[in-house]
Amino acid sequence: MKKILVLIVPLVAFVAGAFAGAMLKPASHDTPPQPAHGTGHDEMPAAEAHGETDHGAASHDGASHDVASHDGGHGEHDGHGKSGKGGPAWFSFSSQFFVPLVREGDSGGIMILTLSLETTAAELEEISGQEHRLRDILLRRLLIVANTGGFDGNFTTEGRIRGLRKQLLEAAQASVGPKVSGVLIEDIARQSN
């Protein structure tokens, strides 16, 4: 009986996890949400329900049509046909940065950082192609910060983190230009020996 349970319990856990993952998966952005039965049309004036109003005009509550503004619609606006290309995007490095903390020839510990770069969706692929160059330039800057005492003491104060972000942004922009608009420090930790 124990041998059967050893095989069945992980299988049941796997199936339950797969089912839970499928149920919790966010809905696709391609399909608009469907209103519940009995809502929406009852509250909408007849002219709006039958499309007799100006398509780009504000609705009865002063807000513009959500569908037109989210999926490109038919109205005139600068982003028509370019949706998603100019919006912000983030490039995450494939692994963490490990920076040794060396004082007087002895390794006193190591800094572990997880970094992401803020860019645009249009530039994301090009930034991805420069990952190795960006990793090198950012690691060099992190080593300089470590060797000048940037990670000594309380390195998590707002002023020191802001200064670190600024130095990393300058280094990234020196490598790939203004395609990088920000550096996000997702994780930062010091591990002492």
N, C-alpha and C. Protein backbone atom coordinates (compact mmCIF):
# COMPACT_ATOMS: atom_id res chain seq x y z
N MET A 1 0.82 -1.19 0.00
CA MET A 1 0.00 0.00 0.00
C MET A 1 0.86 1.26 0.00
N LYS A 2 1.97 1.26 0.76
CA LYS A 2 2.85 2.42 0.82
C LYS A 2 3.47 2.70 -0.54
N LYS A 3 3.81 1.65 -1.28
CA LYS A 3 4.43 1.82 -2.59
C LYS A 3 3.46 2.49 -3.56
N ILE A 4 2.20 2.13 -3.47
CA ILE A 4 1.19 2.72 -4.35
C ILE A 4 0.98 4.19 -3.99
N LEU A 5 0.92 4.50 -2.69
CA LEU A 5 0.74 5.89 -2.26
C LEU A 5 1.91 6.76 -2.68
N VAL A 6 3.12 6.21 -2.64
CA VAL A 6 4.30 6.97 -3.04
C VAL A 6 4.20 7.39 -4.51
N LEU A 7 3.56 6.58 -5.31
CA LEU A 7 3.38 6.90 -6.73
C LEU A 7 2.16 7.77 -6.99
N ILE A 8 1.09 7.55 -6.26
CA ILE A 8 -0.16 8.25 -6.52
C ILE A 8 -0.16 9.67 -5.98
N VAL A 9 0.38 9.90 -4.79
CA VAL A 9 0.35 11.23 -4.17
C VAL A 9 1.04 12.28 -5.05
N PRO A 10 2.26 12.06 -5.56
CA PRO A 10 2.86 13.08 -6.43
C PRO A 10 2.07 13.29 -7.73
N LEU A 11 1.49 12.23 -8.26
CA LEU A 11 0.69 12.35 -9.47
C LEU A 11 -0.54 13.20 -9.23
N VAL A 12 -1.23 12.98 -8.12
CA VAL A 12 -2.40 13.77 -7.77
C VAL A 12 -2.00 15.23 -7.53
N ALA A 13 -0.88 15.45 -6.86
CA ALA A 13 -0.40 16.81 -6.62
C ALA A 13 -0.08 17.52 -7.93
N PHE A 14 0.53 16.81 -8.86
CA PHE A 14 0.86 17.38 -10.16
C PHE A 14 -0.40 17.78 -10.92
N VAL A 15 -1.37 16.89 -10.96
CA VAL A 15 -2.63 17.17 -11.67
C VAL A 15 -3.35 18.35 -11.01
N ALA A 16 -3.40 18.38 -9.69
CA ALA A 16 -4.05 19.48 -8.98
C ALA A 16 -3.34 20.79 -9.26
N GLY A 17 -2.02 20.79 -9.28
CA GLY A 17 -1.26 22.00 -9.58
C GLY A 17 -1.49 22.48 -11.00
N ALA A 18 -1.53 21.56 -11.94
CA ALA A 18 -1.79 21.93 -13.33
C ALA A 18 -3.19 22.52 -13.48
N PHE A 19 -4.16 21.93 -12.81
CA PHE A 19 -5.53 22.44 -12.86
C PHE A 19 -5.60 23.83 -12.24
N ALA A 20 -4.96 24.01 -11.08
CA ALA A 20 -4.97 25.32 -10.42
C ALA A 20 -4.28 26.36 -11.29
N GLY A 21 -3.19 25.99 -11.93
CA GLY A 21 -2.50 26.93 -12.81
C GLY A 21 -3.36 27.33 -13.99
N ALA A 22 -4.09 26.39 -14.55
CA ALA A 22 -4.98 26.70 -15.68
C ALA A 22 -6.12 27.61 -15.23
N MET A 23 -6.63 27.40 -14.04
CA MET A 23 -7.74 28.21 -13.54
C MET A 23 -7.29 29.63 -13.19
N LEU A 24 -6.06 29.78 -12.71
CA LEU A 24 -5.56 31.08 -12.29
C LEU A 24 -4.88 31.85 -13.41
N LYS A 25 -4.75 31.25 -14.58
CA LYS A 25 -4.11 31.90 -15.71
C LYS A 25 -4.91 33.14 -16.10
N PRO A 26 -4.22 34.30 -16.27
CA PRO A 26 -4.96 35.51 -16.64
C PRO A 26 -5.58 35.36 -18.02
N ALA A 27 -6.70 36.05 -18.21
CA ALA A 27 -7.40 36.01 -19.49
C ALA A 27 -6.56 36.68 -20.56
N SER A 28 -6.74 36.28 -21.80
CA SER A 28 -6.03 36.86 -22.93
C SER A 28 -6.48 38.30 -23.12
N HIS A 29 -5.56 39.18 -23.52
CA HIS A 29 -5.88 40.58 -23.76
C HIS A 29 -6.55 40.78 -25.11
N ASP A 30 -6.58 39.75 -25.96
CA ASP A 30 -7.17 39.88 -27.28
C ASP A 30 -8.69 39.90 -27.25
N THR A 31 -9.30 39.23 -26.28
CA THR A 31 -10.75 39.18 -26.22
C THR A 31 -11.26 40.16 -25.19
N PRO A 32 -12.23 41.03 -25.57
CA PRO A 32 -12.77 41.98 -24.60
C PRO A 32 -13.62 41.25 -23.58
N PRO A 33 -13.67 41.76 -22.34
CA PRO A 33 -14.48 41.10 -21.32
C PRO A 33 -15.96 41.16 -21.71
N GLN A 34 -16.67 40.07 -21.46
CA GLN A 34 -18.09 39.99 -21.79
C GLN A 34 -18.90 40.46 -20.58
N PRO A 35 -19.89 41.34 -20.79
CA PRO A 35 -20.71 41.77 -19.66
C PRO A 35 -21.62 40.63 -19.20
N ALA A 36 -21.98 40.68 -17.94
CA ALA A 36 -22.89 39.67 -17.40
C ALA A 36 -24.28 39.87 -17.98
N HIS A 37 -25.08 38.83 -18.00
CA HIS A 37 -26.44 38.93 -18.53
C HIS A 37 -27.25 39.92 -17.71
N GLY A 38 -27.99 40.76 -18.40
CA GLY A 38 -28.87 41.70 -17.71
C GLY A 38 -28.18 42.99 -17.34
N THR A 39 -26.92 43.19 -17.74
CA THR A 39 -26.24 44.44 -17.45
C THR A 39 -25.79 45.07 -18.74
N GLY A 40 -25.51 46.31 -18.70
CA GLY A 40 -24.95 47.01 -19.86
C GLY A 40 -26.02 47.62 -20.73
N HIS A 41 -26.81 46.84 -21.47
CA HIS A 41 -27.79 47.38 -22.41
C HIS A 41 -28.96 48.04 -21.70
N ASP A 42 -29.33 47.56 -20.52
CA ASP A 42 -30.46 48.12 -19.80
C ASP A 42 -30.17 49.55 -19.35
N GLU A 43 -28.92 49.84 -19.03
CA GLU A 43 -28.56 51.15 -18.52
C GLU A 43 -28.15 52.12 -19.62
N MET A 44 -27.94 51.65 -20.83
CA MET A 44 -27.44 52.46 -21.92
C MET A 44 -28.61 53.10 -22.67
N PRO A 45 -28.53 54.41 -22.98
CA PRO A 45 -29.58 55.04 -23.77
C PRO A 45 -29.68 54.36 -25.14
N ALA A 46 -30.88 54.42 -25.74
CA ALA A 46 -31.14 53.74 -27.00
C ALA A 46 -30.23 54.23 -28.11
N ALA A 47 -29.92 55.51 -28.15
CA ALA A 47 -29.06 56.05 -29.21
C ALA A 47 -27.67 55.43 -29.14
N GLU A 48 -27.14 55.27 -27.93
CA GLU A 48 -25.81 54.68 -27.80
C GLU A 48 -25.84 53.19 -28.07
N ALA A 49 -26.89 52.51 -27.65
CA ALA A 49 -26.99 51.07 -27.84
C ALA A 49 -27.06 50.70 -29.31
N HIS A 50 -27.60 51.57 -30.12
CA HIS A 50 -27.75 51.28 -31.55
C HIS A 50 -26.72 51.99 -32.39
N GLY A 51 -25.72 52.63 -31.78
CA GLY A 51 -24.63 53.24 -32.53
C GLY A 51 -24.98 54.54 -33.20
N GLU A 52 -25.95 55.30 -32.70
CA GLU A 52 -26.37 56.53 -33.34
C GLU A 52 -25.61 57.74 -32.82
N THR A 53 -24.67 57.55 -31.92
CA THR A 53 -23.90 58.67 -31.41
C THR A 53 -22.58 58.74 -32.14
N ASP A 54 -21.88 59.85 -31.98
CA ASP A 54 -20.56 60.02 -32.57
C ASP A 54 -19.62 59.02 -31.92
N HIS A 55 -18.93 58.23 -32.72
CA HIS A 55 -18.09 57.13 -32.22
C HIS A 55 -16.99 57.62 -31.29
N GLY A 56 -16.38 58.74 -31.57
CA GLY A 56 -15.28 59.22 -30.76
C GLY A 56 -15.72 60.14 -29.64
N ALA A 57 -17.02 60.45 -29.57
CA ALA A 57 -17.51 61.39 -28.56
C ALA A 57 -17.56 60.72 -27.20
N ALA A 58 -17.63 61.57 -26.18
CA ALA A 58 -17.73 61.06 -24.82
C ALA A 58 -19.09 60.45 -24.59
N SER A 59 -19.16 59.45 -23.76
CA SER A 59 -20.42 58.79 -23.45
C SER A 59 -21.22 59.65 -22.48
N HIS A 60 -22.37 59.15 -22.07
CA HIS A 60 -23.26 59.92 -21.22
C HIS A 60 -22.64 60.28 -19.88
N ASP A 61 -21.65 59.55 -19.43
CA ASP A 61 -21.03 59.86 -18.14
C ASP A 61 -19.75 60.67 -18.30
N GLY A 62 -19.46 61.14 -19.52
CA GLY A 62 -18.30 62.00 -19.74
C GLY A 62 -17.05 61.25 -20.09
N ALA A 63 -17.04 59.93 -20.04
CA ALA A 63 -15.85 59.15 -20.37
C ALA A 63 -15.94 58.69 -21.82
N SER A 64 -14.82 58.57 -22.47
CA SER A 64 -14.81 58.10 -23.85
C SER A 64 -15.01 56.59 -23.89
N HIS A 65 -15.33 56.08 -25.09
CA HIS A 65 -15.55 54.64 -25.24
C HIS A 65 -14.27 53.89 -24.93
N ASP A 66 -14.31 52.96 -24.00
CA ASP A 66 -13.13 52.20 -23.60
C ASP A 66 -12.63 51.30 -24.72
N VAL A 67 -13.52 50.67 -25.45
CA VAL A 67 -13.09 49.74 -26.50
C VAL A 67 -12.30 50.48 -27.56
N ALA A 68 -12.76 51.66 -27.95
CA ALA A 68 -12.06 52.41 -28.98
C ALA A 68 -10.69 52.85 -28.51
N SER A 69 -10.57 53.19 -27.24
CA SER A 69 -9.28 53.68 -26.77
C SER A 69 -8.29 52.55 -26.53
N HIS A 70 -8.76 51.34 -26.25
CA HIS A 70 -7.83 50.25 -25.95
C HIS A 70 -7.41 49.46 -27.17
N ASP A 71 -8.29 49.26 -28.16
CA ASP A 71 -7.92 48.38 -29.26
C ASP A 71 -7.67 49.12 -30.56
N GLY A 72 -7.42 50.41 -30.51
CA GLY A 72 -7.14 51.15 -31.73
C GLY A 72 -8.36 51.85 -32.26
N GLY A 73 -9.55 51.30 -32.11
CA GLY A 73 -10.81 51.92 -32.49
C GLY A 73 -10.80 52.50 -33.88
N HIS A 74 -11.64 53.51 -34.08
CA HIS A 74 -11.72 54.17 -35.38
C HIS A 74 -11.43 55.64 -35.25
N GLY A 75 -11.20 56.13 -34.05
CA GLY A 75 -10.95 57.55 -33.84
C GLY A 75 -9.56 57.94 -34.29
N GLU A 76 -9.33 59.24 -34.31
CA GLU A 76 -8.03 59.74 -34.72
C GLU A 76 -7.16 59.94 -33.49
N HIS A 77 -6.00 59.32 -33.49
CA HIS A 77 -5.02 59.54 -32.44
C HIS A 77 -3.66 59.14 -32.97
N ASP A 78 -2.62 59.65 -32.34
CA ASP A 78 -1.26 59.47 -32.84
C ASP A 78 -0.80 58.02 -32.82
N GLY A 79 -1.29 57.20 -31.90
CA GLY A 79 -0.78 55.85 -31.75
C GLY A 79 -1.47 54.82 -32.63
N HIS A 80 -2.34 55.24 -33.55
CA HIS A 80 -3.09 54.28 -34.38
C HIS A 80 -2.13 53.43 -35.19
N GLY A 81 -2.25 52.10 -35.07
CA GLY A 81 -1.40 51.19 -35.81
C GLY A 81 -0.06 50.92 -35.16
N LYS A 82 0.23 51.62 -34.08
CA LYS A 82 1.52 51.45 -33.43
C LYS A 82 1.34 51.07 -31.97
N SER A 83 0.21 50.52 -31.63
CA SER A 83 -0.05 50.21 -30.23
C SER A 83 0.97 49.23 -29.70
N GLY A 84 1.49 49.53 -28.52
CA GLY A 84 2.45 48.65 -27.87
C GLY A 84 3.89 48.89 -28.27
N LYS A 85 4.16 49.58 -29.36
CA LYS A 85 5.54 49.77 -29.81
C LYS A 85 6.26 50.83 -28.99
N GLY A 86 5.56 51.89 -28.57
CA GLY A 86 6.22 52.96 -27.86
C GLY A 86 6.08 52.87 -26.36
N GLY A 87 5.32 51.90 -25.88
CA GLY A 87 5.10 51.77 -24.45
C GLY A 87 6.34 51.25 -23.75
N PRO A 88 6.37 51.38 -22.43
CA PRO A 88 7.53 50.91 -21.68
C PRO A 88 7.64 49.39 -21.69
N ALA A 89 8.86 48.92 -21.66
CA ALA A 89 9.15 47.49 -21.59
C ALA A 89 10.38 47.32 -20.70
N TRP A 90 10.56 46.15 -20.16
CA TRP A 90 11.66 45.90 -19.25
C TRP A 90 12.44 44.68 -19.72
N PHE A 91 13.76 44.83 -19.72
CA PHE A 91 14.64 43.72 -20.06
C PHE A 91 15.24 43.20 -18.77
N SER A 92 15.03 41.93 -18.47
CA SER A 92 15.60 41.31 -17.28
C SER A 92 16.78 40.45 -17.69
N PHE A 93 17.88 40.59 -16.98
CA PHE A 93 19.06 39.78 -17.27
C PHE A 93 18.79 38.34 -16.89
N SER A 94 19.45 37.43 -17.61
CA SER A 94 19.19 36.00 -17.42
C SER A 94 19.69 35.47 -16.08
N SER A 95 20.62 36.17 -15.45
CA SER A 95 21.10 35.72 -14.14
C SER A 95 21.47 36.94 -13.30
N GLN A 96 21.69 36.69 -12.03
CA GLN A 96 22.01 37.76 -11.09
C GLN A 96 23.44 38.24 -11.28
N PHE A 97 23.73 39.41 -10.71
CA PHE A 97 25.09 39.94 -10.68
C PHE A 97 25.70 39.61 -9.33
N PHE A 98 26.90 39.04 -9.36
CA PHE A 98 27.63 38.71 -8.13
C PHE A 98 28.87 39.58 -8.09
N VAL A 99 28.97 40.42 -7.04
CA VAL A 99 30.05 41.39 -6.93
C VAL A 99 30.83 41.09 -5.66
N PRO A 100 32.11 40.69 -5.78
CA PRO A 100 32.90 40.41 -4.57
C PRO A 100 33.22 41.70 -3.82
N LEU A 101 33.20 41.63 -2.51
CA LEU A 101 33.56 42.75 -1.65
C LEU A 101 34.95 42.45 -1.09
N VAL A 102 35.96 43.15 -1.60
CA VAL A 102 37.34 42.88 -1.22
C VAL A 102 37.89 44.09 -0.47
N ARG A 103 38.46 43.84 0.70
CA ARG A 103 39.10 44.88 1.49
C ARG A 103 40.46 44.36 1.94
N GLU A 104 41.50 45.13 1.65
CA GLU A 104 42.87 44.79 2.05
C GLU A 104 43.24 43.38 1.63
N GLY A 105 42.84 42.97 0.44
CA GLY A 105 43.20 41.67 -0.09
C GLY A 105 42.34 40.52 0.36
N ASP A 106 41.42 40.75 1.29
CA ASP A 106 40.55 39.68 1.78
C ASP A 106 39.12 39.90 1.29
N SER A 107 38.51 38.80 0.91
CA SER A 107 37.11 38.87 0.49
C SER A 107 36.23 38.91 1.72
N GLY A 108 35.55 40.02 1.91
CA GLY A 108 34.70 40.18 3.07
C GLY A 108 33.27 39.72 2.83
N GLY A 109 32.95 39.41 1.61
CA GLY A 109 31.59 38.98 1.29
C GLY A 109 31.31 39.17 -0.19
N ILE A 110 30.04 39.13 -0.50
CA ILE A 110 29.63 39.27 -1.89
C ILE A 110 28.28 39.98 -1.94
N MET A 111 28.13 40.85 -2.92
CA MET A 111 26.85 41.51 -3.18
C MET A 111 26.15 40.73 -4.29
N ILE A 112 24.87 40.51 -4.12
CA ILE A 112 24.06 39.81 -5.12
C ILE A 112 22.95 40.76 -5.54
N LEU A 113 22.89 41.06 -6.84
CA LEU A 113 21.90 42.00 -7.35
C LEU A 113 21.15 41.39 -8.53
N THR A 114 19.87 41.68 -8.60
CA THR A 114 19.05 41.34 -9.76
C THR A 114 18.64 42.67 -10.38
N LEU A 115 19.03 42.87 -11.64
CA LEU A 115 18.77 44.13 -12.32
C LEU A 115 17.90 43.93 -13.55
N SER A 116 17.12 44.95 -13.86
CA SER A 116 16.35 45.01 -15.10
C SER A 116 16.54 46.40 -15.68
N LEU A 117 16.42 46.50 -17.00
CA LEU A 117 16.57 47.77 -17.69
C LEU A 117 15.23 48.19 -18.27
N GLU A 118 14.89 49.46 -18.08
CA GLU A 118 13.65 49.99 -18.65
C GLU A 118 13.96 50.56 -20.02
N THR A 119 13.13 50.20 -20.99
CA THR A 119 13.31 50.65 -22.37
C THR A 119 11.92 50.76 -22.99
N THR A 120 11.85 50.82 -24.31
CA THR A 120 10.55 50.80 -24.98
C THR A 120 10.36 49.43 -25.63
N ALA A 121 9.13 49.11 -25.95
CA ALA A 121 8.84 47.82 -26.59
C ALA A 121 9.55 47.72 -27.93
N ALA A 122 9.69 48.85 -28.63
CA ALA A 122 10.35 48.84 -29.93
C ALA A 122 11.84 48.54 -29.81
N GLU A 123 12.46 48.92 -28.72
CA GLU A 123 13.90 48.74 -28.53
C GLU A 123 14.25 47.46 -27.77
N LEU A 124 13.25 46.75 -27.27
CA LEU A 124 13.50 45.59 -26.41
C LEU A 124 14.33 44.51 -27.09
N GLU A 125 14.04 44.22 -28.34
CA GLU A 125 14.78 43.17 -29.05
C GLU A 125 16.25 43.56 -29.23
N GLU A 126 16.48 44.83 -29.55
CA GLU A 126 17.87 45.29 -29.72
C GLU A 126 18.62 45.24 -28.40
N ILE A 127 17.96 45.62 -27.31
CA ILE A 127 18.59 45.55 -25.99
C ILE A 127 18.91 44.09 -25.65
N SER A 128 18.01 43.18 -25.99
CA SER A 128 18.25 41.76 -25.73
C SER A 128 19.49 41.27 -26.46
N GLY A 129 19.71 41.77 -27.66
CA GLY A 129 20.89 41.38 -28.43
C GLY A 129 22.19 41.93 -27.85
N GLN A 130 22.09 42.93 -27.00
CA GLN A 130 23.27 43.55 -26.38
C GLN A 130 23.48 43.07 -24.94
N GLU A 131 22.82 41.98 -24.54
CA GLU A 131 22.86 41.55 -23.14
C GLU A 131 24.29 41.36 -22.63
N HIS A 132 25.14 40.71 -23.38
CA HIS A 132 26.50 40.43 -22.89
C HIS A 132 27.29 41.72 -22.71
N ARG A 133 27.17 42.64 -23.65
CA ARG A 133 27.86 43.93 -23.53
C ARG A 133 27.33 44.70 -22.32
N LEU A 134 26.01 44.73 -22.16
CA LEU A 134 25.42 45.44 -21.02
C LEU A 134 25.82 44.80 -19.70
N ARG A 135 25.84 43.48 -19.64
CA ARG A 135 26.26 42.78 -18.42
C ARG A 135 27.68 43.15 -18.04
N ASP A 136 28.55 43.19 -19.05
CA ASP A 136 29.95 43.53 -18.80
C ASP A 136 30.09 44.94 -18.27
N ILE A 137 29.44 45.90 -18.91
CA ILE A 137 29.59 47.30 -18.50
C ILE A 137 28.97 47.53 -17.11
N LEU A 138 27.84 46.88 -16.83
CA LEU A 138 27.22 47.05 -15.52
C LEU A 138 28.03 46.37 -14.42
N LEU A 139 28.61 45.21 -14.71
CA LEU A 139 29.45 44.54 -13.72
C LEU A 139 30.70 45.36 -13.43
N ARG A 140 31.28 45.96 -14.48
CA ARG A 140 32.43 46.84 -14.25
C ARG A 140 32.07 47.98 -13.31
N ARG A 141 30.89 48.59 -13.55
CA ARG A 141 30.47 49.71 -12.70
C ARG A 141 30.21 49.23 -11.28
N LEU A 142 29.61 48.06 -11.12
CA LEU A 142 29.36 47.51 -9.79
C LEU A 142 30.66 47.21 -9.05
N LEU A 143 31.68 46.74 -9.77
CA LEU A 143 32.99 46.50 -9.15
C LEU A 143 33.62 47.81 -8.68
N ILE A 144 33.47 48.86 -9.48
CA ILE A 144 34.00 50.17 -9.07
C ILE A 144 33.28 50.64 -7.81
N VAL A 145 31.95 50.50 -7.78
CA VAL A 145 31.18 50.90 -6.60
C VAL A 145 31.64 50.10 -5.38
N ALA A 146 31.84 48.80 -5.54
CA ALA A 146 32.27 47.95 -4.43
C ALA A 146 33.66 48.34 -3.94
N ASN A 147 34.57 48.62 -4.87
CA ASN A 147 35.95 48.95 -4.49
C ASN A 147 36.08 50.34 -3.88
N THR A 148 35.11 51.20 -4.09
CA THR A 148 35.16 52.54 -3.50
C THR A 148 34.29 52.65 -2.24
N GLY A 149 33.82 51.50 -1.73
CA GLY A 149 33.06 51.50 -0.48
C GLY A 149 31.58 51.75 -0.63
N GLY A 150 31.06 51.66 -1.83
CA GLY A 150 29.64 51.92 -2.06
C GLY A 150 28.70 50.94 -1.39
N PHE A 151 29.20 49.75 -1.07
CA PHE A 151 28.37 48.74 -0.42
C PHE A 151 28.73 48.56 1.05
N ASP A 152 29.53 49.46 1.60
CA ASP A 152 29.88 49.40 3.02
C ASP A 152 28.76 50.03 3.84
N GLY A 153 28.62 49.59 5.06
CA GLY A 153 27.63 50.19 5.95
C GLY A 153 26.21 49.95 5.47
N ASN A 154 25.36 50.95 5.67
CA ASN A 154 23.95 50.85 5.27
C ASN A 154 23.82 51.25 3.80
N PHE A 155 23.93 50.29 2.92
CA PHE A 155 23.90 50.56 1.48
C PHE A 155 22.48 50.65 0.94
N THR A 156 21.47 50.45 1.79
CA THR A 156 20.09 50.44 1.31
C THR A 156 19.35 51.76 1.55
N THR A 157 20.05 52.80 1.98
CA THR A 157 19.38 54.08 2.15
C THR A 157 18.97 54.62 0.79
N GLU A 158 17.93 55.42 0.77
CA GLU A 158 17.39 55.93 -0.49
C GLU A 158 18.44 56.70 -1.29
N GLY A 159 19.24 57.50 -0.61
CA GLY A 159 20.27 58.27 -1.32
C GLY A 159 21.31 57.38 -1.99
N ARG A 160 21.74 56.35 -1.31
CA ARG A 160 22.75 55.46 -1.89
C ARG A 160 22.18 54.61 -3.02
N ILE A 161 20.95 54.14 -2.87
CA ILE A 161 20.32 53.36 -3.94
C ILE A 161 20.08 54.25 -5.16
N ARG A 162 19.63 55.49 -4.93
CA ARG A 162 19.42 56.43 -6.04
C ARG A 162 20.73 56.69 -6.76
N GLY A 163 21.82 56.88 -6.00
CA GLY A 163 23.13 57.09 -6.62
C GLY A 163 23.60 55.87 -7.41
N LEU A 164 23.34 54.68 -6.88
CA LEU A 164 23.71 53.45 -7.58
C LEU A 164 22.93 53.31 -8.88
N ARG A 165 21.62 53.59 -8.82
CA ARG A 165 20.81 53.54 -10.05
C ARG A 165 21.33 54.52 -11.09
N LYS A 166 21.69 55.72 -10.64
CA LYS A 166 22.18 56.75 -11.56
C LYS A 166 23.48 56.29 -12.23
N GLN A 167 24.40 55.73 -11.44
CA GLN A 167 25.67 55.25 -12.00
C GLN A 167 25.45 54.11 -12.99
N LEU A 168 24.54 53.19 -12.67
CA LEU A 168 24.26 52.07 -13.56
C LEU A 168 23.57 52.54 -14.84
N LEU A 169 22.68 53.54 -14.72
CA LEU A 169 22.02 54.08 -15.91
C LEU A 169 23.02 54.77 -16.82
N GLU A 170 23.93 55.55 -16.23
CA GLU A 170 24.96 56.21 -17.04
C GLU A 170 25.83 55.18 -17.77
N ALA A 171 26.17 54.09 -17.09
CA ALA A 171 26.98 53.05 -17.71
C ALA A 171 26.22 52.37 -18.85
N ALA A 172 24.95 52.06 -18.63
CA ALA A 172 24.15 51.41 -19.68
C ALA A 172 23.97 52.33 -20.87
N GLN A 173 23.71 53.60 -20.62
CA GLN A 173 23.54 54.55 -21.73
C GLN A 173 24.84 54.80 -22.47
N ALA A 174 25.97 54.69 -21.79
CA ALA A 174 27.26 54.82 -22.48
C ALA A 174 27.47 53.65 -23.43
N SER A 175 26.87 52.51 -23.14
CA SER A 175 27.04 51.33 -23.97
C SER A 175 26.06 51.28 -25.14
N VAL A 176 24.77 51.53 -24.88
CA VAL A 176 23.75 51.38 -25.93
C VAL A 176 23.01 52.67 -26.25
N GLY A 177 23.37 53.77 -25.62
CA GLY A 177 22.71 55.03 -25.91
C GLY A 177 21.44 55.23 -25.10
N PRO A 178 20.61 56.17 -25.54
CA PRO A 178 19.41 56.52 -24.77
C PRO A 178 18.28 55.50 -24.87
N LYS A 179 18.56 54.33 -25.43
CA LYS A 179 17.53 53.29 -25.52
C LYS A 179 17.13 52.80 -24.13
N VAL A 180 18.04 52.93 -23.17
CA VAL A 180 17.76 52.54 -21.79
C VAL A 180 17.35 53.79 -21.04
N SER A 181 16.15 53.77 -20.44
CA SER A 181 15.67 54.96 -19.75
C SER A 181 15.69 54.81 -18.23
N GLY A 182 15.97 53.61 -17.74
CA GLY A 182 16.02 53.43 -16.30
C GLY A 182 16.61 52.08 -15.93
N VAL A 183 17.10 52.00 -14.69
CA VAL A 183 17.63 50.74 -14.16
C VAL A 183 16.80 50.41 -12.93
N LEU A 184 16.27 49.21 -12.91
CA LEU A 184 15.48 48.75 -11.78
C LEU A 184 16.30 47.75 -10.98
N ILE A 185 16.45 48.01 -9.70
CA ILE A 185 17.14 47.08 -8.81
C ILE A 185 16.05 46.25 -8.15
N GLU A 186 15.89 45.03 -8.64
CA GLU A 186 14.80 44.18 -8.17
C GLU A 186 15.15 43.49 -6.86
N ASP A 187 16.39 43.05 -6.73
CA ASP A 187 16.86 42.41 -5.50
C ASP A 187 18.27 42.90 -5.22
N ILE A 188 18.56 43.08 -3.94
CA ILE A 188 19.92 43.44 -3.55
C ILE A 188 20.17 42.82 -2.18
N ALA A 189 21.30 42.14 -2.05
CA ALA A 189 21.63 41.49 -0.78
C ALA A 189 23.14 41.43 -0.62
N ARG A 190 23.59 41.48 0.63
CA ARG A 190 25.01 41.32 0.93
C ARG A 190 25.16 40.04 1.73
N GLN A 191 26.05 39.19 1.26
CA GLN A 191 26.33 37.94 1.97
C GLN A 191 27.75 38.03 2.51
N SER A 192 27.89 37.99 3.81
CA SER A 192 29.20 38.11 4.44
C SER A 192 29.81 36.74 4.67
N ASN A 193 31.15 36.70 4.63
CA ASN A 193 31.87 35.44 4.89
C ASN A 193 31.93 35.16 6.36
